[in-house]
Amino acid sequence: MYLLFLIICSSIEWTDVVAELVLVKPGHNVTLHCGTHFQEAMWFSHRPDESPVLISVSKMPITIANIYLNKDYYPRFSPIRNSSSNTVSLLITNITAQDLQASYYCGGIADIVMVFGVNFRLAFTVQNQELPPFPLFWFLLPNTAILIILNVGFLCYRAFERHQDDRESDKVQEMVYTNMQRTRQGRQNAAR
């Protein structure tokens, strides 16, 4: 079990595992910066005790044809391309108290590994004070479970491919063995 955990964890690259607290005012806008370069960038929203929700997917270069927007979040949540850094940020407009209940993070695929960027939590500023941050444990628990499931699925898929290759190799070996037996029988019959 420990070896499986190491294999799974080795295929995950965390850019930052601590939620970054962003102070906002009700009704204002905020831009969350991913800070990680992806050919296909994804933004997620994650509320406690719920599965993460995909907000947007943006393929580089960003065009209307290269964007998926979740209709439950758009137009208040929209991806923005940063041409100078070639990254995709998330613009959230007209911040509400409900927006503070979730954390937001970006992700993407680098080679064949799913990579995640910074986790963001929003908090209202209250007379120069901030609300307590979201407990890190409750954010990491479901995210880790999802990552483990995705990686186990990937490992199962790779094992299935290897099994198929082994079966094909066995068939080839069986055909070679059969041909060798026929050749041997033919030689024995010719020798008689």
N, C-alpha and C. Protein backbone atom coordinates (compact mmCIF):
# COMPACT_ATOMS: atom_id res chain seq x y z
N MET A 1 0.83 -1.19 0.00
CA MET A 1 0.00 0.00 0.00
C MET A 1 0.88 1.25 0.00
N TYR A 2 1.96 1.21 0.80
CA TYR A 2 2.86 2.36 0.87
C TYR A 2 3.50 2.62 -0.49
N LEU A 3 3.87 1.55 -1.21
CA LEU A 3 4.48 1.70 -2.53
C LEU A 3 3.49 2.35 -3.50
N LEU A 4 2.23 1.92 -3.46
CA LEU A 4 1.21 2.52 -4.32
C LEU A 4 1.06 4.00 -4.01
N PHE A 5 1.07 4.37 -2.74
CA PHE A 5 0.97 5.77 -2.35
C PHE A 5 2.15 6.56 -2.90
N LEU A 6 3.35 6.00 -2.82
CA LEU A 6 4.54 6.69 -3.36
C LEU A 6 4.45 6.86 -4.86
N ILE A 7 3.97 5.83 -5.55
CA ILE A 7 3.83 5.92 -7.01
C ILE A 7 2.84 7.00 -7.37
N ILE A 8 1.71 7.03 -6.68
CA ILE A 8 0.69 8.03 -6.98
C ILE A 8 1.21 9.42 -6.67
N CYS A 9 1.82 9.59 -5.52
CA CYS A 9 2.30 10.92 -5.14
C CYS A 9 3.43 11.40 -6.04
N SER A 10 4.21 10.49 -6.57
CA SER A 10 5.31 10.92 -7.43
C SER A 10 4.82 11.47 -8.75
N SER A 11 3.59 11.13 -9.15
CA SER A 11 3.08 11.66 -10.41
C SER A 11 2.30 12.95 -10.23
N ILE A 12 2.21 13.45 -9.00
CA ILE A 12 1.51 14.70 -8.72
C ILE A 12 2.53 15.77 -8.43
N GLU A 13 2.36 16.91 -9.06
CA GLU A 13 3.27 18.03 -8.79
C GLU A 13 2.44 19.15 -8.19
N TRP A 14 2.76 19.53 -6.96
CA TRP A 14 2.05 20.61 -6.29
C TRP A 14 2.88 21.87 -6.41
N THR A 15 2.30 22.91 -6.96
CA THR A 15 2.98 24.19 -7.01
C THR A 15 2.88 24.86 -5.65
N ASP A 16 1.72 24.71 -5.00
CA ASP A 16 1.52 25.30 -3.68
C ASP A 16 0.36 24.57 -3.03
N VAL A 17 0.51 24.06 -1.82
CA VAL A 17 -0.57 23.32 -1.19
C VAL A 17 -1.30 24.13 -0.13
N VAL A 18 -0.79 25.28 0.23
CA VAL A 18 -1.43 26.12 1.24
C VAL A 18 -2.35 27.11 0.53
N ALA A 19 -3.57 27.25 1.06
CA ALA A 19 -4.51 28.19 0.46
C ALA A 19 -4.04 29.62 0.70
N GLU A 20 -3.98 30.37 -0.37
CA GLU A 20 -3.59 31.78 -0.27
C GLU A 20 -4.85 32.60 -0.02
N LEU A 21 -4.86 33.39 1.03
CA LEU A 21 -6.02 34.19 1.39
C LEU A 21 -5.99 35.50 0.61
N VAL A 22 -7.09 35.80 -0.08
CA VAL A 22 -7.21 37.03 -0.85
C VAL A 22 -8.33 37.85 -0.22
N LEU A 23 -8.00 39.05 0.25
CA LEU A 23 -9.00 39.91 0.89
C LEU A 23 -9.73 40.72 -0.17
N VAL A 24 -11.07 40.71 -0.08
CA VAL A 24 -11.91 41.40 -1.05
C VAL A 24 -13.01 42.17 -0.32
N LYS A 25 -13.68 43.02 -1.07
CA LYS A 25 -14.83 43.74 -0.53
C LYS A 25 -16.07 43.28 -1.28
N PRO A 26 -17.21 43.21 -0.59
CA PRO A 26 -18.45 42.80 -1.26
C PRO A 26 -18.73 43.68 -2.47
N GLY A 27 -19.11 43.03 -3.58
CA GLY A 27 -19.45 43.76 -4.80
C GLY A 27 -18.26 44.13 -5.66
N HIS A 28 -17.04 43.97 -5.15
CA HIS A 28 -15.85 44.30 -5.93
C HIS A 28 -15.45 43.12 -6.81
N ASN A 29 -14.43 43.33 -7.63
CA ASN A 29 -13.90 42.29 -8.50
C ASN A 29 -12.54 41.85 -7.99
N VAL A 30 -12.15 40.63 -8.36
CA VAL A 30 -10.83 40.12 -8.01
C VAL A 30 -10.32 39.26 -9.17
N THR A 31 -9.01 39.31 -9.38
CA THR A 31 -8.37 38.46 -10.39
C THR A 31 -7.42 37.52 -9.66
N LEU A 32 -7.61 36.23 -9.87
CA LEU A 32 -6.75 35.21 -9.27
C LEU A 32 -5.76 34.74 -10.33
N HIS A 33 -4.48 34.77 -10.00
CA HIS A 33 -3.44 34.43 -10.97
C HIS A 33 -2.94 33.01 -10.73
N CYS A 34 -2.95 32.22 -11.78
CA CYS A 34 -2.53 30.82 -11.69
C CYS A 34 -1.03 30.71 -11.45
N GLY A 35 -0.24 31.42 -12.21
CA GLY A 35 1.20 31.39 -12.02
C GLY A 35 1.88 30.15 -12.55
N THR A 36 1.14 29.26 -13.20
CA THR A 36 1.71 28.05 -13.77
C THR A 36 1.33 28.01 -15.25
N HIS A 37 2.24 27.61 -16.09
CA HIS A 37 2.01 27.61 -17.54
C HIS A 37 1.45 26.27 -17.99
N PHE A 38 0.33 26.32 -18.69
CA PHE A 38 -0.29 25.12 -19.24
C PHE A 38 -0.71 25.40 -20.67
N GLN A 39 -0.66 24.38 -21.50
CA GLN A 39 -1.21 24.50 -22.85
C GLN A 39 -2.74 24.53 -22.75
N GLU A 40 -3.27 23.83 -21.74
CA GLU A 40 -4.71 23.79 -21.50
C GLU A 40 -4.91 24.06 -20.01
N ALA A 41 -5.36 25.26 -19.67
CA ALA A 41 -5.51 25.66 -18.27
C ALA A 41 -6.96 25.47 -17.82
N MET A 42 -7.13 24.97 -16.59
CA MET A 42 -8.46 24.74 -16.03
C MET A 42 -8.56 25.47 -14.70
N TRP A 43 -9.73 26.04 -14.43
CA TRP A 43 -10.00 26.65 -13.12
C TRP A 43 -11.12 25.87 -12.46
N PHE A 44 -10.94 25.61 -11.15
CA PHE A 44 -11.90 24.83 -10.38
C PHE A 44 -12.41 25.64 -9.19
N SER A 45 -13.64 25.33 -8.78
CA SER A 45 -14.21 25.85 -7.55
C SER A 45 -14.46 24.64 -6.66
N HIS A 46 -14.13 24.77 -5.37
CA HIS A 46 -14.32 23.64 -4.48
C HIS A 46 -14.90 24.10 -3.15
N ARG A 47 -16.11 23.63 -2.87
CA ARG A 47 -16.78 23.93 -1.61
C ARG A 47 -16.61 22.75 -0.65
N PRO A 48 -16.60 23.02 0.65
CA PRO A 48 -16.46 21.93 1.62
C PRO A 48 -17.54 20.88 1.43
N ASP A 49 -17.17 19.63 1.57
CA ASP A 49 -18.08 18.49 1.48
C ASP A 49 -18.72 18.34 0.11
N GLU A 50 -18.14 18.93 -0.92
CA GLU A 50 -18.64 18.78 -2.29
C GLU A 50 -17.46 18.46 -3.20
N SER A 51 -17.77 17.89 -4.34
CA SER A 51 -16.73 17.64 -5.33
C SER A 51 -16.33 18.95 -5.99
N PRO A 52 -15.08 19.04 -6.46
CA PRO A 52 -14.68 20.25 -7.19
C PRO A 52 -15.51 20.42 -8.46
N VAL A 53 -15.74 21.66 -8.83
CA VAL A 53 -16.51 21.98 -10.03
C VAL A 53 -15.60 22.69 -11.02
N LEU A 54 -15.65 22.25 -12.26
CA LEU A 54 -14.86 22.88 -13.32
C LEU A 54 -15.54 24.19 -13.72
N ILE A 55 -14.81 25.30 -13.59
CA ILE A 55 -15.35 26.61 -13.96
C ILE A 55 -15.07 26.89 -15.43
N SER A 56 -13.83 26.65 -15.85
CA SER A 56 -13.47 26.94 -17.24
C SER A 56 -12.27 26.10 -17.67
N VAL A 57 -12.19 25.91 -18.99
CA VAL A 57 -11.02 25.29 -19.62
C VAL A 57 -10.62 26.21 -20.75
N SER A 58 -9.36 26.57 -20.80
CA SER A 58 -8.86 27.48 -21.84
C SER A 58 -7.65 26.86 -22.50
N LYS A 59 -7.75 26.66 -23.81
CA LYS A 59 -6.59 26.18 -24.57
C LYS A 59 -5.87 27.37 -25.14
N MET A 60 -4.54 27.29 -25.16
CA MET A 60 -3.75 28.38 -25.73
C MET A 60 -3.68 28.22 -27.24
N PRO A 61 -3.79 29.22 -28.03
CA PRO A 61 -4.16 30.58 -27.64
C PRO A 61 -5.65 30.65 -27.34
N ILE A 62 -6.03 31.56 -26.45
CA ILE A 62 -7.44 31.67 -26.07
C ILE A 62 -8.22 32.34 -27.20
N THR A 63 -9.17 31.60 -27.72
CA THR A 63 -10.13 32.12 -28.69
C THR A 63 -11.49 31.60 -28.25
N ILE A 64 -12.54 32.07 -28.89
CA ILE A 64 -13.89 31.60 -28.51
C ILE A 64 -13.99 30.10 -28.71
N ALA A 65 -13.35 29.57 -29.75
CA ALA A 65 -13.40 28.13 -30.01
C ALA A 65 -12.59 27.33 -29.00
N ASN A 66 -11.65 27.96 -28.32
CA ASN A 66 -10.76 27.25 -27.40
C ASN A 66 -11.14 27.42 -25.93
N ILE A 67 -12.38 27.81 -25.64
CA ILE A 67 -12.78 28.05 -24.25
C ILE A 67 -14.05 27.24 -23.93
N TYR A 68 -14.03 26.62 -22.74
CA TYR A 68 -15.25 26.04 -22.17
C TYR A 68 -15.56 26.86 -20.93
N LEU A 69 -16.82 27.30 -20.81
CA LEU A 69 -17.25 28.07 -19.65
C LEU A 69 -18.44 27.37 -19.01
N ASN A 70 -18.39 27.15 -17.71
CA ASN A 70 -19.49 26.55 -16.98
C ASN A 70 -20.60 27.59 -16.87
N LYS A 71 -21.77 27.27 -17.41
CA LYS A 71 -22.87 28.26 -17.45
C LYS A 71 -23.35 28.67 -16.06
N ASP A 72 -23.08 27.85 -15.04
CA ASP A 72 -23.47 28.23 -13.67
C ASP A 72 -22.57 29.31 -13.10
N TYR A 73 -21.40 29.51 -13.69
CA TYR A 73 -20.44 30.49 -13.19
C TYR A 73 -20.27 31.68 -14.12
N TYR A 74 -20.40 31.46 -15.41
CA TYR A 74 -20.21 32.54 -16.38
C TYR A 74 -21.46 33.42 -16.38
N PRO A 75 -21.39 34.72 -16.47
CA PRO A 75 -20.26 35.58 -16.82
C PRO A 75 -19.50 36.15 -15.62
N ARG A 76 -19.94 35.87 -14.37
CA ARG A 76 -19.22 36.46 -13.22
C ARG A 76 -17.82 35.87 -13.07
N PHE A 77 -17.62 34.64 -13.50
CA PHE A 77 -16.32 33.98 -13.44
C PHE A 77 -15.85 33.78 -14.88
N SER A 78 -14.74 34.39 -15.24
CA SER A 78 -14.26 34.23 -16.61
C SER A 78 -12.73 34.21 -16.66
N PRO A 79 -12.19 33.36 -17.56
CA PRO A 79 -10.74 33.28 -17.68
C PRO A 79 -10.19 34.48 -18.45
N ILE A 80 -9.00 34.89 -18.07
CA ILE A 80 -8.32 36.01 -18.73
C ILE A 80 -6.90 35.56 -19.05
N ARG A 81 -6.49 35.74 -20.29
CA ARG A 81 -5.13 35.36 -20.68
C ARG A 81 -4.18 36.50 -20.35
N ASN A 82 -3.08 36.16 -19.69
CA ASN A 82 -2.02 37.12 -19.42
C ASN A 82 -0.96 36.94 -20.50
N SER A 83 -0.97 37.81 -21.49
CA SER A 83 -0.07 37.63 -22.63
C SER A 83 1.40 37.76 -22.23
N SER A 84 1.70 38.57 -21.23
CA SER A 84 3.10 38.74 -20.84
C SER A 84 3.67 37.48 -20.19
N SER A 85 2.86 36.78 -19.39
CA SER A 85 3.35 35.57 -18.71
C SER A 85 2.84 34.29 -19.36
N ASN A 86 1.97 34.42 -20.36
CA ASN A 86 1.38 33.27 -21.05
C ASN A 86 0.69 32.32 -20.07
N THR A 87 -0.07 32.89 -19.13
CA THR A 87 -0.84 32.12 -18.17
C THR A 87 -2.30 32.56 -18.25
N VAL A 88 -3.17 31.82 -17.57
CA VAL A 88 -4.60 32.15 -17.56
C VAL A 88 -5.02 32.45 -16.13
N SER A 89 -5.56 33.65 -15.92
CA SER A 89 -6.06 34.06 -14.60
C SER A 89 -7.58 33.90 -14.59
N LEU A 90 -8.16 34.00 -13.41
CA LEU A 90 -9.62 33.92 -13.27
C LEU A 90 -10.13 35.24 -12.72
N LEU A 91 -11.03 35.88 -13.45
CA LEU A 91 -11.65 37.12 -13.01
C LEU A 91 -13.00 36.79 -12.39
N ILE A 92 -13.20 37.21 -11.14
CA ILE A 92 -14.48 37.04 -10.46
C ILE A 92 -15.03 38.44 -10.24
N THR A 93 -16.21 38.71 -10.77
CA THR A 93 -16.81 40.04 -10.64
C THR A 93 -17.94 40.01 -9.62
N ASN A 94 -18.20 41.18 -9.04
CA ASN A 94 -19.31 41.35 -8.10
C ASN A 94 -19.29 40.28 -7.00
N ILE A 95 -18.23 40.26 -6.22
CA ILE A 95 -18.02 39.25 -5.17
C ILE A 95 -19.19 39.25 -4.19
N THR A 96 -19.67 38.03 -3.87
CA THR A 96 -20.75 37.87 -2.89
C THR A 96 -20.25 36.99 -1.73
N ALA A 97 -21.02 36.94 -0.66
CA ALA A 97 -20.66 36.10 0.49
C ALA A 97 -20.60 34.63 0.09
N GLN A 98 -21.44 34.23 -0.86
CA GLN A 98 -21.45 32.83 -1.32
C GLN A 98 -20.11 32.46 -1.98
N ASP A 99 -19.46 33.42 -2.62
CA ASP A 99 -18.16 33.16 -3.26
C ASP A 99 -17.08 32.82 -2.24
N LEU A 100 -17.26 33.26 -0.99
CA LEU A 100 -16.27 33.01 0.06
C LEU A 100 -16.33 31.58 0.59
N GLN A 101 -17.40 30.85 0.26
CA GLN A 101 -17.56 29.49 0.77
C GLN A 101 -16.71 28.47 0.02
N ALA A 102 -16.14 28.87 -1.10
CA ALA A 102 -15.35 27.94 -1.92
C ALA A 102 -13.90 28.38 -1.98
N SER A 103 -13.06 27.44 -2.34
CA SER A 103 -11.68 27.78 -2.69
C SER A 103 -11.57 27.63 -4.20
N TYR A 104 -10.59 28.29 -4.78
CA TYR A 104 -10.43 28.31 -6.23
C TYR A 104 -8.99 27.95 -6.55
N TYR A 105 -8.82 27.13 -7.56
CA TYR A 105 -7.46 26.77 -7.96
C TYR A 105 -7.42 26.43 -9.44
N CYS A 106 -6.23 26.57 -10.00
CA CYS A 106 -6.05 26.25 -11.41
C CYS A 106 -5.31 24.93 -11.52
N GLY A 107 -5.41 24.33 -12.67
CA GLY A 107 -4.72 23.09 -12.94
C GLY A 107 -4.53 22.92 -14.43
N GLY A 108 -3.74 21.98 -14.78
CA GLY A 108 -3.51 21.70 -16.19
C GLY A 108 -2.67 20.45 -16.33
N ILE A 109 -2.49 20.05 -17.57
CA ILE A 109 -1.72 18.85 -17.83
C ILE A 109 -0.36 19.26 -18.39
N ALA A 110 0.68 18.82 -17.73
CA ALA A 110 2.05 19.04 -18.19
C ALA A 110 2.61 17.66 -18.51
N ASP A 111 2.89 17.43 -19.78
CA ASP A 111 3.24 16.10 -20.28
C ASP A 111 2.05 15.19 -20.00
N ILE A 112 2.19 14.20 -19.13
CA ILE A 112 1.05 13.33 -18.81
C ILE A 112 0.66 13.46 -17.34
N VAL A 113 1.17 14.47 -16.67
CA VAL A 113 0.94 14.65 -15.24
C VAL A 113 0.00 15.83 -15.01
N MET A 114 -0.99 15.63 -14.15
CA MET A 114 -1.89 16.72 -13.77
C MET A 114 -1.17 17.58 -12.74
N VAL A 115 -1.07 18.88 -13.02
CA VAL A 115 -0.36 19.81 -12.15
C VAL A 115 -1.35 20.85 -11.65
N PHE A 116 -1.27 21.19 -10.37
CA PHE A 116 -2.15 22.19 -9.80
C PHE A 116 -1.35 23.39 -9.34
N GLY A 117 -1.96 24.56 -9.48
CA GLY A 117 -1.31 25.80 -9.05
C GLY A 117 -1.76 26.19 -7.65
N VAL A 118 -1.76 27.46 -7.40
CA VAL A 118 -2.08 28.02 -6.08
C VAL A 118 -3.56 27.82 -5.77
N ASN A 119 -3.85 27.51 -4.50
CA ASN A 119 -5.23 27.45 -4.01
C ASN A 119 -5.56 28.81 -3.41
N PHE A 120 -6.71 29.35 -3.77
CA PHE A 120 -7.10 30.67 -3.27
C PHE A 120 -8.35 30.56 -2.41
N ARG A 121 -8.38 31.30 -1.33
CA ARG A 121 -9.58 31.49 -0.50
C ARG A 121 -9.86 32.97 -0.47
N LEU A 122 -11.12 33.33 -0.60
CA LEU A 122 -11.52 34.73 -0.54
C LEU A 122 -12.05 35.03 0.85
N ALA A 123 -11.80 36.24 1.33
CA ALA A 123 -12.32 36.68 2.63
C ALA A 123 -12.63 38.16 2.53
N PHE A 124 -13.75 38.54 3.13
CA PHE A 124 -14.11 39.96 3.16
C PHE A 124 -13.22 40.69 4.17
N THR A 125 -12.86 41.90 3.84
CA THR A 125 -12.17 42.74 4.81
C THR A 125 -13.24 43.40 5.67
N VAL A 126 -13.09 43.30 6.97
CA VAL A 126 -14.04 43.90 7.90
C VAL A 126 -13.26 44.86 8.78
N GLN A 127 -13.36 46.14 8.48
CA GLN A 127 -12.64 47.18 9.23
C GLN A 127 -11.19 46.76 9.49
N ASN A 128 -10.50 46.49 8.40
CA ASN A 128 -9.08 46.10 8.42
C ASN A 128 -8.83 44.77 9.14
N GLN A 129 -9.86 43.95 9.28
CA GLN A 129 -9.69 42.62 9.84
C GLN A 129 -10.13 41.62 8.79
N GLU A 130 -9.58 40.45 8.86
CA GLU A 130 -9.96 39.41 7.92
C GLU A 130 -10.74 38.32 8.64
N LEU A 131 -11.62 37.65 7.88
CA LEU A 131 -12.34 36.51 8.44
C LEU A 131 -11.39 35.32 8.52
N PRO A 132 -11.63 34.38 9.41
CA PRO A 132 -10.71 33.24 9.54
C PRO A 132 -10.64 32.45 8.24
N PRO A 133 -9.44 31.97 7.88
CA PRO A 133 -9.29 31.21 6.65
C PRO A 133 -9.95 29.84 6.74
N PHE A 134 -10.22 29.30 5.57
CA PHE A 134 -10.81 27.98 5.42
C PHE A 134 -9.84 26.93 5.96
N PRO A 135 -10.28 25.97 6.76
CA PRO A 135 -9.37 24.94 7.28
C PRO A 135 -8.73 24.14 6.13
N LEU A 136 -7.44 24.09 6.13
CA LEU A 136 -6.68 23.44 5.06
C LEU A 136 -7.03 21.95 4.95
N PHE A 137 -7.23 21.28 6.07
CA PHE A 137 -7.52 19.85 6.04
C PHE A 137 -8.74 19.54 5.19
N TRP A 138 -9.83 20.29 5.36
CA TRP A 138 -11.06 20.00 4.64
C TRP A 138 -10.93 20.32 3.15
N PHE A 139 -10.00 21.17 2.81
CA PHE A 139 -9.75 21.43 1.40
C PHE A 139 -8.91 20.31 0.79
N LEU A 140 -7.88 19.89 1.51
CA LEU A 140 -6.96 18.90 0.96
C LEU A 140 -7.55 17.49 0.92
N LEU A 141 -8.40 17.14 1.86
CA LEU A 141 -8.94 15.78 1.93
C LEU A 141 -9.66 15.37 0.64
N PRO A 142 -10.69 16.08 0.19
CA PRO A 142 -11.37 15.64 -1.04
C PRO A 142 -10.49 15.80 -2.28
N ASN A 143 -9.64 16.83 -2.30
CA ASN A 143 -8.75 17.00 -3.45
C ASN A 143 -7.77 15.84 -3.55
N THR A 144 -7.24 15.42 -2.43
CA THR A 144 -6.31 14.30 -2.43
C THR A 144 -7.02 13.02 -2.87
N ALA A 145 -8.24 12.82 -2.39
CA ALA A 145 -9.00 11.64 -2.79
C ALA A 145 -9.24 11.63 -4.30
N ILE A 146 -9.58 12.76 -4.86
CA ILE A 146 -9.81 12.85 -6.30
C ILE A 146 -8.52 12.55 -7.06
N LEU A 147 -7.42 13.12 -6.60
CA LEU A 147 -6.14 12.89 -7.27
C LEU A 147 -5.73 11.42 -7.20
N ILE A 148 -5.98 10.80 -6.06
CA ILE A 148 -5.65 9.38 -5.91
C ILE A 148 -6.49 8.55 -6.87
N ILE A 149 -7.78 8.85 -6.96
CA ILE A 149 -8.66 8.11 -7.87
C ILE A 149 -8.21 8.29 -9.31
N LEU A 150 -7.89 9.52 -9.71
CA LEU A 150 -7.42 9.77 -11.07
C LEU A 150 -6.13 9.01 -11.37
N ASN A 151 -5.20 9.05 -10.43
CA ASN A 151 -3.93 8.37 -10.66
C ASN A 151 -4.07 6.85 -10.63
N VAL A 152 -4.91 6.31 -9.76
CA VAL A 152 -5.13 4.87 -9.75
C VAL A 152 -5.78 4.45 -11.07
N GLY A 153 -6.73 5.26 -11.55
CA GLY A 153 -7.33 4.97 -12.85
C GLY A 153 -6.29 4.96 -13.96
N PHE A 154 -5.40 5.92 -13.93
CA PHE A 154 -4.33 5.98 -14.93
C PHE A 154 -3.43 4.76 -14.83
N LEU A 155 -3.06 4.37 -13.59
CA LEU A 155 -2.21 3.19 -13.41
C LEU A 155 -2.92 1.92 -13.88
N CYS A 156 -4.22 1.81 -13.63
CA CYS A 156 -4.98 0.65 -14.09
C CYS A 156 -5.01 0.61 -15.62
N TYR A 157 -5.19 1.75 -16.23
CA TYR A 157 -5.19 1.84 -17.69
C TYR A 157 -3.84 1.38 -18.25
N ARG A 158 -2.74 1.85 -17.63
CA ARG A 158 -1.40 1.45 -18.08
C ARG A 158 -1.19 -0.06 -17.87
N ALA A 159 -1.67 -0.60 -16.77
CA ALA A 159 -1.54 -2.03 -16.51
C ALA A 159 -2.34 -2.83 -17.55
N PHE A 160 -3.52 -2.34 -17.91
CA PHE A 160 -4.34 -2.99 -18.92
C PHE A 160 -3.61 -3.00 -20.26
N GLU A 161 -2.98 -1.88 -20.62
CA GLU A 161 -2.22 -1.81 -21.87
C GLU A 161 -1.07 -2.83 -21.85
N ARG A 162 -0.35 -2.90 -20.73
CA ARG A 162 0.75 -3.86 -20.62
C ARG A 162 0.23 -5.30 -20.73
N HIS A 163 -0.93 -5.56 -20.11
CA HIS A 163 -1.52 -6.89 -20.17
C HIS A 163 -1.87 -7.24 -21.62
N GLN A 164 -2.41 -6.29 -22.37
CA GLN A 164 -2.73 -6.51 -23.78
C GLN A 164 -1.45 -6.83 -24.56
N ASP A 165 -0.38 -6.08 -24.28
CA ASP A 165 0.90 -6.33 -24.96
C ASP A 165 1.42 -7.72 -24.63
N ASP A 166 1.29 -8.13 -23.36
CA ASP A 166 1.73 -9.46 -22.94
C ASP A 166 0.93 -10.55 -23.64
N ARG A 167 -0.38 -10.33 -23.79
CA ARG A 167 -1.23 -11.32 -24.46
C ARG A 167 -0.83 -11.45 -25.92
N GLU A 168 -0.54 -10.32 -26.57
CA GLU A 168 -0.10 -10.37 -27.96
C GLU A 168 1.24 -11.08 -28.07
N SER A 169 2.13 -10.82 -27.12
CA SER A 169 3.44 -11.48 -27.10
C SER A 169 3.28 -12.98 -26.91
N ASP A 170 2.35 -13.38 -26.03
CA ASP A 170 2.08 -14.81 -25.81
C ASP A 170 1.56 -15.46 -27.08
N LYS A 171 0.69 -14.77 -27.82
CA LYS A 171 0.16 -15.32 -29.07
C LYS A 171 1.27 -15.51 -30.08
N VAL A 172 2.17 -14.54 -30.17
CA VAL A 172 3.30 -14.65 -31.10
C VAL A 172 4.18 -15.82 -30.70
N GLN A 173 4.48 -15.95 -29.41
CA GLN A 173 5.30 -17.07 -28.94
C GLN A 173 4.63 -18.41 -29.23
N GLU A 174 3.31 -18.46 -29.05
CA GLU A 174 2.58 -19.69 -29.31
C GLU A 174 2.64 -20.04 -30.80
N MET A 175 2.51 -19.03 -31.67
CA MET A 175 2.59 -19.28 -33.11
C MET A 175 3.98 -19.76 -33.49
N VAL A 176 5.02 -19.15 -32.92
CA VAL A 176 6.40 -19.58 -33.21
C VAL A 176 6.60 -21.01 -32.73
N TYR A 177 6.12 -21.34 -31.54
CA TYR A 177 6.25 -22.69 -31.00
C TYR A 177 5.53 -23.69 -31.89
N THR A 178 4.31 -23.34 -32.35
CA THR A 178 3.54 -24.22 -33.23
C THR A 178 4.29 -24.43 -34.54
N ASN A 179 4.83 -23.38 -35.11
CA ASN A 179 5.60 -23.50 -36.36
C ASN A 179 6.84 -24.37 -36.16
N MET A 180 7.49 -24.21 -34.99
CA MET A 180 8.67 -25.04 -34.71
C MET A 180 8.28 -26.51 -34.61
N GLN A 181 7.14 -26.79 -33.98
CA GLN A 181 6.68 -28.18 -33.85
C GLN A 181 6.36 -28.75 -35.23
N ARG A 182 5.70 -27.97 -36.07
CA ARG A 182 5.36 -28.43 -37.42
C ARG A 182 6.64 -28.69 -38.23
N THR A 183 7.60 -27.80 -38.09
CA THR A 183 8.87 -27.98 -38.80
C THR A 183 9.57 -29.24 -38.32
N ARG A 184 9.58 -29.46 -37.01
CA ARG A 184 10.21 -30.64 -36.43
C ARG A 184 9.49 -31.90 -36.90
N GLN A 185 8.13 -31.89 -36.91
CA GLN A 185 7.37 -33.05 -37.36
C GLN A 185 7.62 -33.30 -38.85
N GLY A 186 7.73 -32.19 -39.61
CA GLY A 186 8.01 -32.34 -41.05
C GLY A 186 9.37 -32.96 -41.28
N ARG A 187 10.36 -32.58 -40.51
CA ARG A 187 11.70 -33.15 -40.63
C ARG A 187 11.70 -34.63 -40.22
N GLN A 188 10.94 -34.92 -39.14
CA GLN A 188 10.87 -36.32 -38.69
C GLN A 188 10.19 -37.18 -39.75
N ASN A 189 9.12 -36.67 -40.36
CA ASN A 189 8.42 -37.41 -41.41
C ASN A 189 9.31 -37.58 -42.63
N ALA A 190 10.09 -36.56 -42.96
CA ALA A 190 10.98 -36.62 -44.12
C ALA A 190 12.13 -37.59 -43.86
N ALA A 191 12.56 -37.69 -42.61
CA ALA A 191 13.66 -38.58 -42.26
C ALA A 191 13.23 -40.05 -42.30
N ARG A 192 11.95 -40.34 -42.17
CA ARG A 192 11.45 -41.73 -42.16
C ARG A 192 11.41 -42.22 -43.52
